[in-house]
Protein backbone atom coordinates (compact mmCIF):
# COMPACT_ATOMS: atom_id res chain seq x y z
CA MET A 1 0.00 0.00 0.00
CA LYS A 2 1.35 3.42 -0.98
CA THR A 3 1.90 6.03 1.70
CA ARG A 4 0.15 9.38 1.52
CA THR A 5 3.49 10.94 0.63
CA GLN A 6 3.94 8.63 -2.36
CA GLU A 7 0.36 9.18 -3.51
CA LEU A 8 0.84 12.93 -3.48
CA LEU A 9 4.14 12.61 -5.34
CA ASN A 10 2.51 10.53 -8.05
CA LYS A 11 -0.32 13.03 -8.43
CA SER A 12 2.18 15.89 -8.50
CA ILE A 13 4.12 14.27 -11.35
CA ALA A 14 0.89 13.50 -13.21
CA ALA A 15 -0.19 17.15 -12.95
CA MET A 16 3.16 18.41 -14.24
CA VAL A 17 3.21 15.92 -17.13
CA SER A 18 -0.32 17.02 -18.04
CA ALA A 19 0.76 20.67 -17.95
CA ILE A 20 3.64 19.95 -20.34
CA GLU A 21 1.55 17.83 -22.70
CA ILE A 22 -1.07 20.56 -23.05
CA TYR A 23 1.52 23.30 -23.52
CA ASN A 24 3.20 21.30 -26.29
CA LYS A 25 0.00 20.97 -28.34
CA PRO A 26 0.54 23.46 -31.20
CA ASP A 27 -3.18 24.06 -31.79
CA PHE A 28 -4.14 24.44 -28.12
CA LEU A 29 -4.83 28.18 -27.87
CA TYR A 30 -5.03 28.29 -24.06
CA ARG A 31 -1.80 26.35 -23.57
CA GLY A 32 0.11 28.89 -21.48
CA GLU A 33 -2.68 29.62 -19.07
CA THR A 34 -3.49 25.93 -18.63
CA PHE A 35 0.17 25.13 -18.05
CA ALA A 36 0.34 27.70 -15.25
CA ILE A 37 -2.78 26.35 -13.54
CA LEU A 38 -1.67 22.71 -13.65
CA ALA A 39 1.96 23.51 -12.75
CA ILE A 40 0.84 25.35 -9.60
CA ASN A 41 -1.30 22.35 -8.68
CA SER A 42 1.74 20.11 -9.18
CA TRP A 43 3.94 22.29 -6.97
CA GLU A 44 1.34 22.34 -4.18
CA LEU A 45 1.11 18.54 -4.20
CA LEU A 46 4.91 18.30 -4.10
CA PHE A 47 5.08 20.66 -1.11
CA LYS A 48 2.38 18.71 0.71
CA ALA A 49 4.29 15.48 0.08
CA LYS A 50 7.36 17.10 1.63
CA ALA A 51 5.33 18.33 4.60
CA LEU A 52 4.07 14.79 5.19
CA GLN A 53 7.59 13.42 4.90
CA GLU A 54 8.78 15.89 7.53
CA ASN A 55 5.93 14.95 9.89
CA ASN A 56 6.00 11.14 9.84
CA ASN A 57 3.29 10.97 7.19
CA LYS A 58 0.68 12.54 9.51
CA VAL A 59 -1.99 14.17 7.38
CA THR A 60 -2.92 16.54 10.23
CA ALA A 61 0.35 18.39 9.46
CA LEU A 62 -1.38 19.78 6.36
CA TYR A 63 -4.44 21.13 8.19
CA VAL A 64 -5.10 24.75 8.98
CA TYR A 65 -6.26 25.35 12.56
CA GLU A 66 -8.32 28.22 13.92
CA TYR A 67 -9.74 29.21 17.29
CA LYS A 68 -13.21 27.85 17.90
CA LYS A 69 -15.91 30.44 18.47
CA LYS A 70 -18.08 30.36 21.56
CA LYS A 71 -21.83 30.79 21.40
CA ASN A 72 -21.45 34.44 22.38
CA GLY A 73 -19.15 35.03 19.41
CA GLU A 74 -15.91 35.24 21.37
CA LYS A 75 -12.87 33.18 20.41
CA SER A 76 -12.22 30.08 22.46
CA LYS A 77 -8.71 29.15 23.60
CA LYS A 78 -9.20 25.82 21.87
CA LYS A 79 -8.13 25.41 18.24
CA VAL A 80 -10.07 23.29 15.78
CA VAL A 81 -9.48 22.28 12.15
CA LYS A 82 -10.75 24.90 9.75
CA LYS A 83 -13.34 23.49 7.32
CA THR A 84 -14.08 24.12 3.66
CA ARG A 85 -17.58 24.74 2.28
CA SER A 86 -18.09 20.98 2.03
CA GLN A 87 -16.83 20.56 5.60
CA ASN A 88 -13.55 18.92 4.57
CA PRO A 89 -10.32 19.93 6.36
CA PHE A 90 -8.83 23.17 5.03
CA THR A 91 -5.17 22.59 4.08
CA HIS A 92 -2.21 24.97 3.98
CA SER A 93 -1.60 26.93 0.80
CA LEU A 94 1.37 26.53 -1.51
CA GLU A 95 2.74 29.94 -0.50
CA PHE A 96 2.39 29.22 3.23
CA MET A 97 4.30 25.94 2.96
CA GLY A 98 6.92 27.47 0.66
CA VAL A 99 7.70 30.30 3.08
CA ARG A 100 8.06 27.81 5.95
CA PHE A 101 10.40 25.62 3.87
CA VAL A 102 12.56 28.64 3.04
CA GLU A 103 12.69 29.64 6.72
CA ARG A 104 13.81 26.10 7.62
CA LYS A 105 16.46 26.08 4.87
CA LEU A 106 14.71 23.23 3.09
CA LEU A 107 14.05 25.35 0.00
CA GLU A 108 16.06 28.01 -1.80
CA ALA A 109 14.40 31.43 -1.95
CA THR A 110 14.95 31.46 -5.72
CA VAL A 111 12.59 28.50 -6.14
CA MET A 112 9.92 30.28 -4.13
CA LYS A 113 10.30 33.43 -6.23
CA ASN A 114 9.85 31.38 -9.37
CA ILE A 115 6.68 29.89 -7.88
CA GLU A 116 5.46 33.38 -6.93
CA ALA A 117 5.93 34.38 -10.57
CA LEU A 118 4.02 31.28 -11.66
CA ILE A 119 1.20 32.05 -9.19
CA GLU A 120 0.94 35.61 -10.48
CA LEU A 121 0.84 34.23 -14.00
CA ARG A 122 -1.88 31.76 -12.98
CA ASP A 123 -3.94 34.49 -11.30
CA SER A 124 -3.58 36.71 -14.35
CA ALA A 125 -4.69 33.86 -16.61
CA VAL A 126 -7.70 32.98 -14.46
CA HIS A 127 -8.96 36.51 -13.87
CA PHE A 128 -8.08 38.20 -17.16
CA TYR A 129 -6.83 37.48 -20.65
CA ASN A 130 -3.30 37.72 -22.06
CA TYR A 131 -2.42 37.68 -25.70
CA SER A 132 0.84 39.52 -26.38
CA LEU A 133 4.02 37.85 -27.59
CA GLN A 134 6.12 39.39 -24.81
CA PHE A 135 3.76 38.02 -22.14
CA ASN A 136 3.96 34.53 -23.65
CA ILE A 137 7.75 34.69 -23.89
CA ARG A 138 7.97 35.55 -20.19
CA LEU A 139 5.51 32.75 -19.47
CA GLN A 140 7.77 30.27 -21.21
CA GLU A 141 10.90 31.54 -19.46
CA ILE A 142 9.20 31.17 -16.08
CA GLY A 143 7.76 27.78 -17.02
CA THR A 144 11.09 26.43 -18.25
CA ALA A 145 12.82 27.49 -15.03
CA SER A 146 9.97 26.04 -12.98
CA LEU A 147 10.30 22.64 -14.68
CA ARG A 148 14.04 22.59 -14.09
CA ASN A 149 13.58 23.58 -10.45
CA TYR A 150 10.92 20.88 -10.07
CA VAL A 151 13.19 18.14 -11.43
CA LEU A 152 16.12 19.24 -9.24
CA LEU A 153 13.98 19.49 -6.12
CA MET A 154 12.35 16.12 -6.71
CA LYS A 155 15.84 14.63 -6.78
CA GLU A 156 17.01 16.60 -3.73
CA TRP A 157 13.96 15.92 -1.55
CA PHE A 158 12.93 12.43 -2.61
CA ASP A 159 15.89 11.10 -4.61
CA LYS A 160 13.49 10.63 -7.51
CA ASP A 161 14.84 10.76 -11.08
CA LEU A 162 12.35 12.20 -13.59
CA ALA A 163 14.53 11.74 -16.69
CA LYS A 164 12.11 9.25 -18.25
CA TYR A 165 9.38 11.90 -18.45
CA ASN A 166 11.29 14.19 -20.88
CA PHE A 167 10.40 17.36 -18.98
CA TYR A 168 10.65 20.22 -21.46
CA LEU A 169 8.48 22.92 -22.98
CA MET A 170 8.20 23.41 -26.71
CA PRO A 171 10.20 26.57 -27.54
CA LEU A 172 8.26 29.41 -29.15
CA SER A 173 10.53 28.92 -32.18
CA PHE A 174 8.58 25.73 -32.88
CA ILE A 175 5.22 27.46 -32.72
CA SER A 176 3.83 29.16 -35.80
CA LEU A 177 2.99 32.71 -34.75
CA ASP A 178 0.62 35.01 -36.57
CA GLU A 179 2.54 37.71 -38.45
CA SER A 180 0.61 40.45 -36.65
CA ILE A 181 1.36 39.17 -33.15
CA ASP A 182 4.61 41.11 -32.88
CA VAL A 183 2.79 44.45 -33.07
CA ILE A 184 0.15 43.69 -30.43
CA LEU A 185 0.41 46.12 -27.53
CA LEU A 186 0.70 44.81 -23.99
CA ASN A 187 -2.36 45.73 -21.95
CA ASN A 188 -1.86 47.34 -18.55
CA GLU A 189 -2.28 44.03 -16.73
CA GLU A 190 0.44 42.39 -18.82
CA LYS A 191 2.77 45.36 -18.31
CA ASN A 192 2.29 45.10 -14.55
CA PHE A 193 3.01 41.37 -14.72
CA VAL A 194 6.25 41.89 -16.69
CA LYS A 195 7.38 44.55 -14.18
CA PHE A 196 6.60 42.15 -11.31
CA ILE A 197 8.76 39.42 -12.88
CA ASP A 198 11.58 41.87 -13.59
CA ALA A 199 11.51 42.96 -9.94
CA LEU A 200 11.70 39.35 -8.72
CA GLU A 201 14.72 38.72 -10.95
CA ASP A 202 16.42 41.91 -9.76
CA GLU A 203 15.94 40.86 -6.13
CA SER A 204 17.60 37.51 -6.73
CA VAL A 205 20.69 38.74 -8.61
CA ASP A 206 22.89 39.01 -5.52
CA ASP A 207 21.69 35.96 -3.57
CA ASN A 208 21.47 33.54 -6.51
CA THR A 209 25.17 33.23 -7.31
CA GLY A 210 26.15 29.63 -7.94
CA SER A 211 22.62 28.30 -7.39
CA ALA A 212 21.27 25.53 -9.61
CA TYR A 213 17.76 26.99 -9.32
CA SER A 214 16.32 29.81 -11.44
CA ILE A 215 13.40 32.23 -11.58
CA ALA A 216 13.30 32.34 -15.38
CA LEU A 217 15.32 30.71 -18.15
CA ASN A 218 15.70 32.01 -21.67
CA ILE A 219 15.86 29.66 -24.65
CA ASP A 220 17.42 30.83 -27.91
CA ILE A 221 17.15 28.41 -30.81
CA GLY A 222 18.08 28.65 -34.46
CA PHE A 223 17.90 26.14 -37.30
CA SER A 224 20.10 25.36 -40.28
CA LYS A 225 20.11 22.45 -42.69
CA SER A 226 22.89 19.97 -42.23
CA LYS A 227 24.75 19.02 -45.41
CA SER A 228 25.98 15.80 -43.92
CA LYS A 229 24.51 13.04 -41.81
CA ASP A 230 27.83 13.09 -39.96
CA ALA A 231 27.53 16.77 -39.01
CA ILE A 232 29.12 17.57 -35.65
CA LYS A 233 26.81 18.61 -32.82
CA MET A 234 27.80 21.78 -30.97
CA VAL A 235 26.80 23.93 -28.02
CA LEU A 236 27.72 27.50 -27.11
CA SER A 237 30.38 27.79 -24.42
CA ASN A 238 32.53 30.40 -22.68
CA ASP A 239 35.21 27.79 -22.04
CA PRO A 240 38.53 29.17 -23.41
CA ASP A 241 39.56 25.61 -24.27
CA ALA A 242 36.44 24.93 -26.34
CA THR A 243 36.76 24.45 -30.09
CA LYS A 244 36.49 27.80 -31.87
CA ILE A 245 33.78 28.15 -34.54
CA THR A 246 33.80 31.01 -37.05
CA PHE A 247 30.59 32.38 -38.54
CA THR A 248 30.54 33.63 -42.11
CA GLU A 249 29.77 37.25 -42.91
CA GLU A 250 26.45 36.12 -44.37
CA GLN A 251 25.50 34.25 -41.19
CA ILE A 252 26.35 37.27 -39.04
CA ARG A 253 24.25 39.59 -41.20
CA GLU A 254 21.33 37.17 -41.03
CA ARG A 255 21.50 37.23 -37.24
CA TYR A 256 22.07 41.02 -37.01
CA PRO A 257 20.20 42.53 -39.99
CA LEU A 258 19.59 46.02 -38.57
CA ASP A 259 21.99 48.94 -38.67
CA TYR A 260 21.47 52.13 -36.63
CA ARG A 261 19.22 53.79 -39.22
CA ALA A 262 17.03 50.69 -39.70
CA LEU A 263 16.66 50.20 -35.95
CA THR A 264 15.75 53.84 -35.40
CA ASP A 265 13.17 53.75 -38.22
CA ILE A 266 11.50 50.70 -36.68
CA CYS A 267 11.39 52.37 -33.25
CA ASN A 268 9.81 55.50 -34.77
CA LYS A 269 7.01 53.40 -36.24
CA ARG A 270 6.72 51.01 -33.28
CA TYR A 271 6.39 53.46 -30.35
CA ILE A 272 4.09 56.42 -29.82
CA ASP A 273 6.43 58.17 -27.38
CA PHE A 274 9.73 57.49 -29.12
CA LYS A 275 12.29 60.25 -29.71
CA VAL A 276 15.87 60.11 -30.94
CA ASN A 277 17.34 61.65 -27.82
CA THR A 278 19.66 60.94 -24.90
CA LYS A 279 17.31 58.29 -23.48
CA TYR A 280 17.31 56.32 -26.72
CA HIS A 281 21.08 56.47 -27.14
CA ARG A 282 21.67 55.51 -23.50
CA LEU A 283 19.37 52.49 -23.72
CA ARG A 284 20.73 51.40 -27.09
CA LYS A 285 24.33 51.54 -25.90
CA SER A 286 23.46 49.58 -22.73
CA PHE A 287 22.13 46.73 -24.92
CA GLU A 288 25.06 46.77 -27.36
CA SER A 289 27.29 44.87 -24.94
CA LYS A 290 24.99 41.83 -25.06
CA PRO A 291 25.63 39.48 -28.01
CA GLN A 292 21.97 38.46 -28.27
CA TYR A 293 21.16 42.06 -29.24
CA ALA A 294 24.14 43.53 -31.08
CA HIS A 295 27.33 42.76 -32.98
CA GLN A 296 30.31 45.03 -33.59
CA ARG A 297 31.73 44.74 -37.09
CA TYR A 298 35.10 46.15 -38.04
CA LEU A 299 34.98 47.84 -41.44
CA ASP A 300 38.37 46.24 -42.03
CA PRO A 301 37.96 42.81 -40.35
CA GLY A 302 41.69 42.20 -40.20
CA ASN A 303 42.48 45.55 -38.60
CA LEU A 304 41.31 46.01 -34.99
CA ASN A 305 42.11 49.73 -35.24
CA SER A 306 39.65 50.29 -38.09
CA SER A 307 36.27 51.92 -37.69
CA ILE A 308 33.43 49.93 -36.08
CA LYS A 309 29.81 49.67 -37.16
CA ILE A 310 27.13 48.18 -34.89
CA PHE A 311 24.45 45.83 -36.22
CA TYR A 312 21.39 44.74 -34.24
CA ASN A 313 19.20 41.67 -33.81
CA HIS A 314 15.40 42.17 -33.78
CA ALA A 315 15.41 40.80 -30.21
CA ILE A 316 16.62 44.21 -29.01
CA LEU A 317 13.08 45.50 -29.59
CA ASN A 318 11.86 43.33 -26.71
CA GLU A 319 14.09 45.42 -24.42
CA PHE A 320 12.91 48.73 -25.86
CA ASP A 321 9.33 47.55 -25.26
CA LYS A 322 10.01 47.90 -21.54
CA TYR A 323 10.76 51.62 -21.87
CA TYR A 324 8.43 52.85 -24.62
CA ASP A 325 4.70 52.55 -25.32
CA ARG A 326 3.78 50.50 -28.38
CA GLU A 327 1.64 51.83 -31.22
CA GLN A 328 -1.93 50.50 -31.00
CA VAL A 329 -2.96 48.09 -33.73
CA LYS A 330 -5.79 49.45 -35.90
CA SER A 331 -8.61 46.97 -36.35
């Protein structure tokens, strides 16, 4: 007979697998919102399994207690189990258990911040609608980090290997997006959500050094046809001893197609409050140091003292979206 702990673990895994399966259905239009709802359910079951493990499998450890009321309305000194509408025991929330685990050093604060982001995403999905590309990108970054945290924590807490389940989310690169989706303006609720996630990430910068857990994870994927069945697999690395790979001029221009004038023209059309001023130049220069956004090209490639021209990837617009208001789409 399975223990309560094991039953909750099994249900937790089932909920997370269901969340992933639904998210990875290309034609499922409510995939992100459904993923958030099921993933939160999975996390709560995992936390309850841990609470049972820490309390000798006693289910009463999950119950919320409150002071019993006397007939005259005053609170009694005696505590009783709080009941739901159907008179079942009321159990502790995911957030309550998470905070207690962090306080007891059983859980890294980064994991809890990721879950807070997921809860906010779930609440936003349940109580409103979200349709912008930027919102869905942030959803996937949070979801990817949450899955990784889940797998690591399952191993740490219960020594359970989830490799056989192939826990991964389908990258947005795999999903056919409508051509007009890139110009949809974030509504106020989505803007507030993005700011909330940014704040959580900023809070964790100093205390997350060396941690295996994450609040959000970015995935950057590109495709090219292999000319040989024996083509060598590669990954990006900062290791100085790694094999060096040189990109052709054509490949670089494909990745960074925008020069300063082209980028500025797009911003003029994209934002209603955009001006070519000190703010724009300051922001642009702050992004130029990041290879996902910009590439410095020497006009004479063999001469490091020659003039430099900067080219930009379209991804830089996602950063500008945080500082300027997008043009409304005319219906």
